């Protein structure tokens, strides 16, 4: 199916406006209208309900949307793979959550590339739920996520267990030198750092009120560090993400006297359809040799 038609459909489904979609795709509005009519004719279904200003997906459009995304992704992956055939023996598609990439996988990829120069690598940084969907759609070979997934389509192995610790800037050392109680913790200006596992959320709300409002809420945990280093507030972070800042003295750990956050467990998921590919086999050989014996 034509890439332009699929791309236009996906953009219009998201933007719900012909003019905005035309602007995003750098074409005139009549081109968007023509493409959607062409796609609807090909499929034999009406995909959008037109209103005065915007459009909404029909039931058929809602049903077609995930397939359109998958079709477009598969076409792009196929083109990418074919273009690399002359240069590389294989392509390894890695999906990874942002914090796991920063703390662990970035260095693994660097080492892998140094040892496997004939394997191309494509990295996608996304949330766990999106990476799982991409695995189901065969867009990824391996993924590093925070969910323990049981599926006949994947191999799921424990990857890393990371402590969650409370941190602040070195300027606040005297304020918390001996550690803090739960009551003192509740009164701190706490910055949100996007740790959202069920176990951490349950622990957090055993101490804080359900309506707690953060003075600063950022959905990528590493971006909190700039504020902490300036002495602004306190935040829970993964120990591996904070290690170098603790070592250089710009951040300090705050000891909790009455309660301890649960550890953050991460997992490696492997697409079984690709487990014997050159790219995946070399990855396992490099980092998880015991899996090759199973």
Protein backbone atom coordinates (compact mmCIF):
# COMPACT_ATOMS: atom_id res chain seq x y z
CA UNK A 1 0.00 0.00 0.00
CA UNK A 2 1.22 3.50 -0.84
CA UNK A 3 3.31 5.05 1.95
CA UNK A 4 1.90 8.53 1.31
CA UNK A 5 -1.65 7.28 1.82
CA UNK A 6 -0.80 5.54 5.09
CA UNK A 7 1.24 8.47 6.38
CA UNK A 8 -1.55 10.93 5.57
CA UNK A 9 -4.14 8.72 7.27
CA UNK A 10 -2.03 8.39 10.44
CA UNK A 11 -1.34 12.15 10.62
CA UNK A 12 -4.98 13.06 10.04
CA UNK A 13 -6.11 10.55 12.67
CA UNK A 14 -3.80 12.25 15.18
CA UNK A 15 -4.33 15.92 14.21
CA UNK A 16 -8.05 15.62 13.32
CA UNK A 17 -7.75 18.57 10.96
CA UNK A 18 -7.08 18.70 7.20
CA UNK A 19 -5.28 22.05 7.29
CA UNK A 20 -2.93 21.06 10.12
CA UNK A 21 -2.20 17.74 8.41
CA UNK A 22 -1.39 19.51 5.15
CA UNK A 23 0.95 21.87 7.02
CA UNK A 24 2.71 18.98 8.75
CA UNK A 25 3.21 17.07 5.51
CA UNK A 26 4.11 20.20 3.49
CA UNK A 27 1.39 19.72 0.87
CA UNK A 28 -1.78 21.58 -0.07
CA UNK A 29 -5.05 20.64 1.63
CA UNK A 30 -6.55 19.26 -1.58
CA UNK A 31 -3.75 16.66 -1.65
CA UNK A 32 -4.77 15.44 1.81
CA UNK A 33 -8.41 15.19 0.71
CA UNK A 34 -7.44 13.31 -2.44
CA UNK A 35 -5.23 10.85 -0.58
CA UNK A 36 -7.89 10.03 2.00
CA UNK A 37 -10.52 9.51 -0.73
CA UNK A 38 -8.09 7.24 -2.57
CA UNK A 39 -7.38 5.23 0.59
CA UNK A 40 -11.07 4.91 1.43
CA UNK A 41 -11.73 3.74 -2.13
CA UNK A 42 -8.99 1.13 -1.86
CA UNK A 43 -10.25 -0.19 1.47
CA UNK A 44 -13.93 0.12 0.67
CA UNK A 45 -14.73 1.82 3.98
CA UNK A 46 -15.29 5.37 5.21
CA UNK A 47 -12.44 6.16 7.58
CA UNK A 48 -13.37 9.64 8.79
CA UNK A 49 -16.49 11.55 9.77
CA UNK A 50 -16.20 15.14 8.55
CA UNK A 51 -17.46 17.99 10.77
CA UNK A 52 -17.36 21.75 10.16
CA UNK A 53 -13.81 22.18 11.45
CA UNK A 54 -12.38 18.78 12.32
CA UNK A 55 -12.64 15.10 11.50
CA UNK A 56 -13.07 12.01 13.67
CA UNK A 57 -12.28 8.38 12.94
CA UNK A 58 -15.16 6.09 12.16
CA UNK A 59 -15.29 2.62 13.71
CA UNK A 60 -13.60 1.32 10.57
CA UNK A 61 -10.96 4.04 10.88
CA UNK A 62 -10.29 3.12 14.53
CA UNK A 63 -9.92 -0.52 13.54
CA UNK A 64 -7.62 0.28 10.61
CA UNK A 65 -5.30 2.68 12.49
CA UNK A 66 -3.07 0.10 14.27
CA UNK A 67 -2.75 -1.88 11.03
CA UNK A 68 -1.81 1.28 9.12
CA UNK A 69 0.94 2.01 11.65
CA UNK A 70 2.17 -1.56 11.41
CA UNK A 71 2.10 -1.59 7.60
CA UNK A 72 4.04 1.67 7.43
CA UNK A 73 6.58 0.48 9.97
CA UNK A 74 7.07 -2.84 8.17
CA UNK A 75 7.58 -1.10 4.84
CA UNK A 76 10.10 1.29 6.36
CA UNK A 77 11.91 -1.59 8.08
CA UNK A 78 12.01 -3.59 4.86
CA UNK A 79 13.45 -0.66 2.92
CA UNK A 80 15.99 -0.01 5.68
CA UNK A 81 17.01 -3.68 5.71
CA UNK A 82 17.33 -3.95 1.93
CA UNK A 83 19.44 -0.81 1.72
CA UNK A 84 21.80 -2.25 4.30
CA UNK A 85 22.19 -5.68 2.70
CA UNK A 86 25.24 -4.62 0.71
CA UNK A 87 26.94 -3.07 3.73
CA UNK A 88 25.85 -5.26 6.66
CA UNK A 89 25.15 -8.91 7.39
CA UNK A 90 22.14 -8.14 9.58
CA UNK A 91 20.25 -5.36 11.36
CA UNK A 92 19.56 -5.51 15.11
CA UNK A 93 16.42 -3.59 16.16
CA UNK A 94 16.65 -2.62 19.83
CA UNK A 95 13.87 -1.02 21.87
CA UNK A 96 14.67 0.44 25.26
CA UNK A 97 13.15 2.60 27.96
CA UNK A 98 14.94 5.95 28.29
CA UNK A 99 16.36 5.41 31.79
CA UNK A 100 17.59 1.88 30.99
CA UNK A 101 19.27 3.24 27.87
CA UNK A 102 21.07 5.97 29.80
CA UNK A 103 22.19 3.73 32.66
CA UNK A 104 23.04 0.48 30.88
CA UNK A 105 22.22 -0.12 27.23
CA UNK A 106 24.08 2.81 25.68
CA UNK A 107 27.42 1.37 26.83
CA UNK A 108 26.36 -2.12 25.72
CA UNK A 109 25.58 -0.84 22.23
CA UNK A 110 28.94 0.91 22.05
CA UNK A 111 30.77 -2.30 22.94
CA UNK A 112 28.60 -4.33 20.55
CA UNK A 113 29.32 -1.97 17.64
CA UNK A 114 33.05 -2.16 18.27
CA UNK A 115 32.93 -5.96 18.09
CA UNK A 116 30.32 -6.37 15.31
CA UNK A 117 31.05 -3.90 12.54
CA UNK A 118 28.97 -5.83 9.98
CA UNK A 119 25.74 -5.56 11.97
CA UNK A 120 23.66 -2.37 11.71
CA UNK A 121 21.74 -1.22 14.77
CA UNK A 122 18.45 0.64 14.96
CA UNK A 123 17.51 1.94 18.43
CA UNK A 124 14.03 3.02 19.51
CA UNK A 125 13.64 4.76 22.89
CA UNK A 126 10.06 4.51 24.13
CA UNK A 127 7.86 3.65 27.12
CA UNK A 128 7.49 -0.02 28.09
CA UNK A 129 3.94 -0.41 26.76
CA UNK A 130 4.88 0.98 23.34
CA UNK A 131 7.92 -1.28 23.08
CA UNK A 132 5.79 -4.33 23.89
CA UNK A 133 3.41 -3.39 21.09
CA UNK A 134 6.34 -3.00 18.69
CA UNK A 135 7.60 -6.45 19.67
CA UNK A 136 4.17 -7.91 18.97
CA UNK A 137 4.28 -6.24 15.56
CA UNK A 138 7.77 -7.68 14.87
CA UNK A 139 9.31 -4.21 14.66
CA UNK A 140 11.88 -5.05 17.36
CA UNK A 141 14.27 -7.93 17.94
CA UNK A 142 14.99 -7.22 21.60
CA UNK A 143 13.63 -4.76 24.15
CA UNK A 144 14.61 -3.57 27.62
CA UNK A 145 11.56 -2.68 29.70
CA UNK A 146 10.22 -2.48 33.26
CA UNK A 147 7.46 -5.08 32.83
CA UNK A 148 7.77 -8.82 33.37
CA UNK A 149 5.87 -10.10 30.32
CA UNK A 150 4.74 -13.69 29.86
CA UNK A 151 4.03 -14.41 26.20
CA UNK A 152 4.67 -17.34 23.85
CA UNK A 153 6.03 -14.78 21.37
CA UNK A 154 8.89 -13.58 23.62
CA UNK A 155 11.69 -14.83 25.80
CA UNK A 156 11.67 -12.72 28.97
CA UNK A 157 14.78 -12.63 31.16
CA UNK A 158 15.58 -10.52 34.27
CA UNK A 159 18.01 -7.77 33.28
CA UNK A 160 18.85 -5.51 36.22
CA UNK A 161 17.62 -4.78 39.74
CA UNK A 162 18.18 -1.12 40.61
CA UNK A 163 17.74 0.58 43.98
CA UNK A 164 15.55 3.67 44.16
CA UNK A 165 17.14 6.33 46.36
CA UNK A 166 16.26 9.85 47.48
CA UNK A 167 18.66 12.56 46.30
CA UNK A 168 19.26 16.27 46.64
CA UNK A 169 22.00 18.78 45.89
CA UNK A 170 25.13 18.88 48.01
CA UNK A 171 24.03 22.33 49.26
CA UNK A 172 21.39 20.62 51.41
CA UNK A 173 23.79 18.28 53.19
CA UNK A 174 23.44 19.88 56.64
CA UNK A 175 19.64 19.75 56.48
CA UNK A 176 19.47 15.96 56.17
CA UNK A 177 22.86 14.74 57.45
CA UNK A 178 21.37 12.21 59.88
CA UNK A 179 18.55 10.95 57.66
CA UNK A 180 14.83 11.72 57.70
CA UNK A 181 11.61 10.21 59.02
CA UNK A 182 8.46 9.66 56.95
CA UNK A 183 6.97 12.81 58.46
CA UNK A 184 10.01 14.85 57.39
CA UNK A 185 9.89 13.23 53.94
CA UNK A 186 6.28 14.38 53.48
CA UNK A 187 7.34 17.98 54.12
CA UNK A 188 10.15 18.07 51.55
CA UNK A 189 9.76 19.87 48.18
CA UNK A 190 9.76 16.65 46.19
CA UNK A 191 10.30 16.73 42.42
CA UNK A 192 8.71 14.01 40.29
CA UNK A 193 11.16 11.86 38.32
CA UNK A 194 8.84 9.59 36.32
CA UNK A 195 9.25 6.40 38.37
CA UNK A 196 5.82 4.88 37.85
CA UNK A 197 6.01 1.16 38.59
CA UNK A 198 3.08 -0.28 40.53
CA UNK A 199 5.27 -1.26 43.47
CA UNK A 200 6.87 2.20 43.78
CA UNK A 201 3.50 3.96 43.39
CA UNK A 202 2.00 1.78 46.11
CA UNK A 203 4.93 2.52 48.42
CA UNK A 204 4.87 6.25 47.64
CA UNK A 205 1.18 6.65 48.46
CA UNK A 206 1.60 4.73 51.69
CA UNK A 207 3.50 7.85 52.82
CA UNK A 208 2.15 10.74 50.72
CA UNK A 209 -1.47 11.83 50.24
CA UNK A 210 -3.22 10.72 47.04
CA UNK A 211 -3.64 14.34 45.93
CA UNK A 212 0.06 15.20 46.30
CA UNK A 213 1.14 17.85 43.78
CA UNK A 214 4.80 18.04 42.74
CA UNK A 215 6.43 21.49 42.52
CA UNK A 216 8.10 20.17 39.34
CA UNK A 217 7.04 17.16 37.28
CA UNK A 218 9.24 15.96 34.37
CA UNK A 219 8.54 12.73 32.48
CA UNK A 220 12.23 11.93 31.84
CA UNK A 221 13.97 11.26 35.13
CA UNK A 222 17.48 12.32 34.06
CA UNK A 223 16.20 15.87 33.39
CA UNK A 224 15.52 16.32 37.11
CA UNK A 225 19.25 16.16 37.89
CA UNK A 226 19.93 19.73 36.67
CA UNK A 227 17.53 21.11 39.29
CA UNK A 228 18.80 18.87 42.09
CA UNK A 229 22.40 19.95 41.46
CA UNK A 230 21.28 23.56 41.97
CA UNK A 231 19.86 22.60 45.37
CA UNK A 232 16.25 22.82 44.19
CA UNK A 233 14.21 20.14 45.89
CA UNK A 234 14.58 16.39 46.36
CA UNK A 235 13.78 13.49 44.07
CA UNK A 236 13.72 9.72 43.91
CA UNK A 237 16.07 8.37 41.23
CA UNK A 238 17.60 5.08 40.21
CA UNK A 239 20.91 4.52 41.95
CA UNK A 240 22.65 3.67 38.66
CA UNK A 241 21.45 6.96 37.12
CA UNK A 242 22.75 8.96 40.07
CA UNK A 243 26.02 7.12 40.71
CA UNK A 244 28.40 9.46 38.88
CA UNK A 245 26.81 12.56 40.43
CA UNK A 246 27.16 11.09 43.92
CA UNK A 247 30.77 10.25 43.16
CA UNK A 248 31.60 13.79 41.97
CA UNK A 249 29.86 15.27 45.02
CA UNK A 250 27.18 17.26 43.20
CA UNK A 251 24.37 15.08 44.59
CA UNK A 252 23.99 13.35 47.94
CA UNK A 253 21.77 10.50 49.01
CA UNK A 254 19.21 11.19 51.72
CA UNK A 255 18.88 8.30 54.16
CA UNK A 256 15.31 7.19 54.88
CA UNK A 257 14.99 6.14 58.51
CA UNK A 258 11.59 4.49 58.51
CA UNK A 259 10.86 3.15 55.03
CA UNK A 260 12.65 1.89 51.92
CA UNK A 261 11.37 2.15 48.32
CA UNK A 262 11.11 -1.14 46.41
CA UNK A 263 13.81 -1.91 43.86
CA UNK A 264 13.19 -1.22 40.17
CA UNK A 265 13.27 -4.47 38.20
CA UNK A 266 14.00 -4.41 34.47
CA UNK A 267 13.75 -7.17 31.87
CA UNK A 268 15.14 -8.19 28.51
CA UNK A 269 12.53 -9.35 25.99
CA UNK A 270 13.61 -11.24 22.87
CA UNK A 271 11.42 -11.78 19.83
CA UNK A 272 11.47 -15.56 19.33
CA UNK A 273 11.18 -15.14 15.55
CA UNK A 274 14.55 -13.39 15.57
CA UNK A 275 16.35 -15.24 18.35
CA UNK A 276 18.53 -17.19 15.89
CA UNK A 277 19.37 -14.18 13.70
CA UNK A 278 22.98 -13.05 13.44
CA UNK A 279 22.30 -9.79 15.25
CA UNK A 280 20.51 -11.31 18.24
CA UNK A 281 22.85 -14.31 18.49
CA UNK A 282 25.86 -11.98 18.65
CA UNK A 283 24.14 -9.85 21.30
CA UNK A 284 23.47 -12.88 23.49
CA UNK A 285 26.99 -14.16 22.93
CA UNK A 286 28.38 -10.77 23.98
CA UNK A 287 26.25 -10.11 27.04
CA UNK A 288 24.21 -13.16 28.05
CA UNK A 289 26.19 -16.25 27.00
CA UNK A 290 24.24 -18.59 29.31
CA UNK A 291 21.10 -18.09 27.21
CA UNK A 292 22.79 -19.73 24.24
CA UNK A 293 23.02 -22.94 26.24
CA UNK A 294 19.28 -23.11 27.00
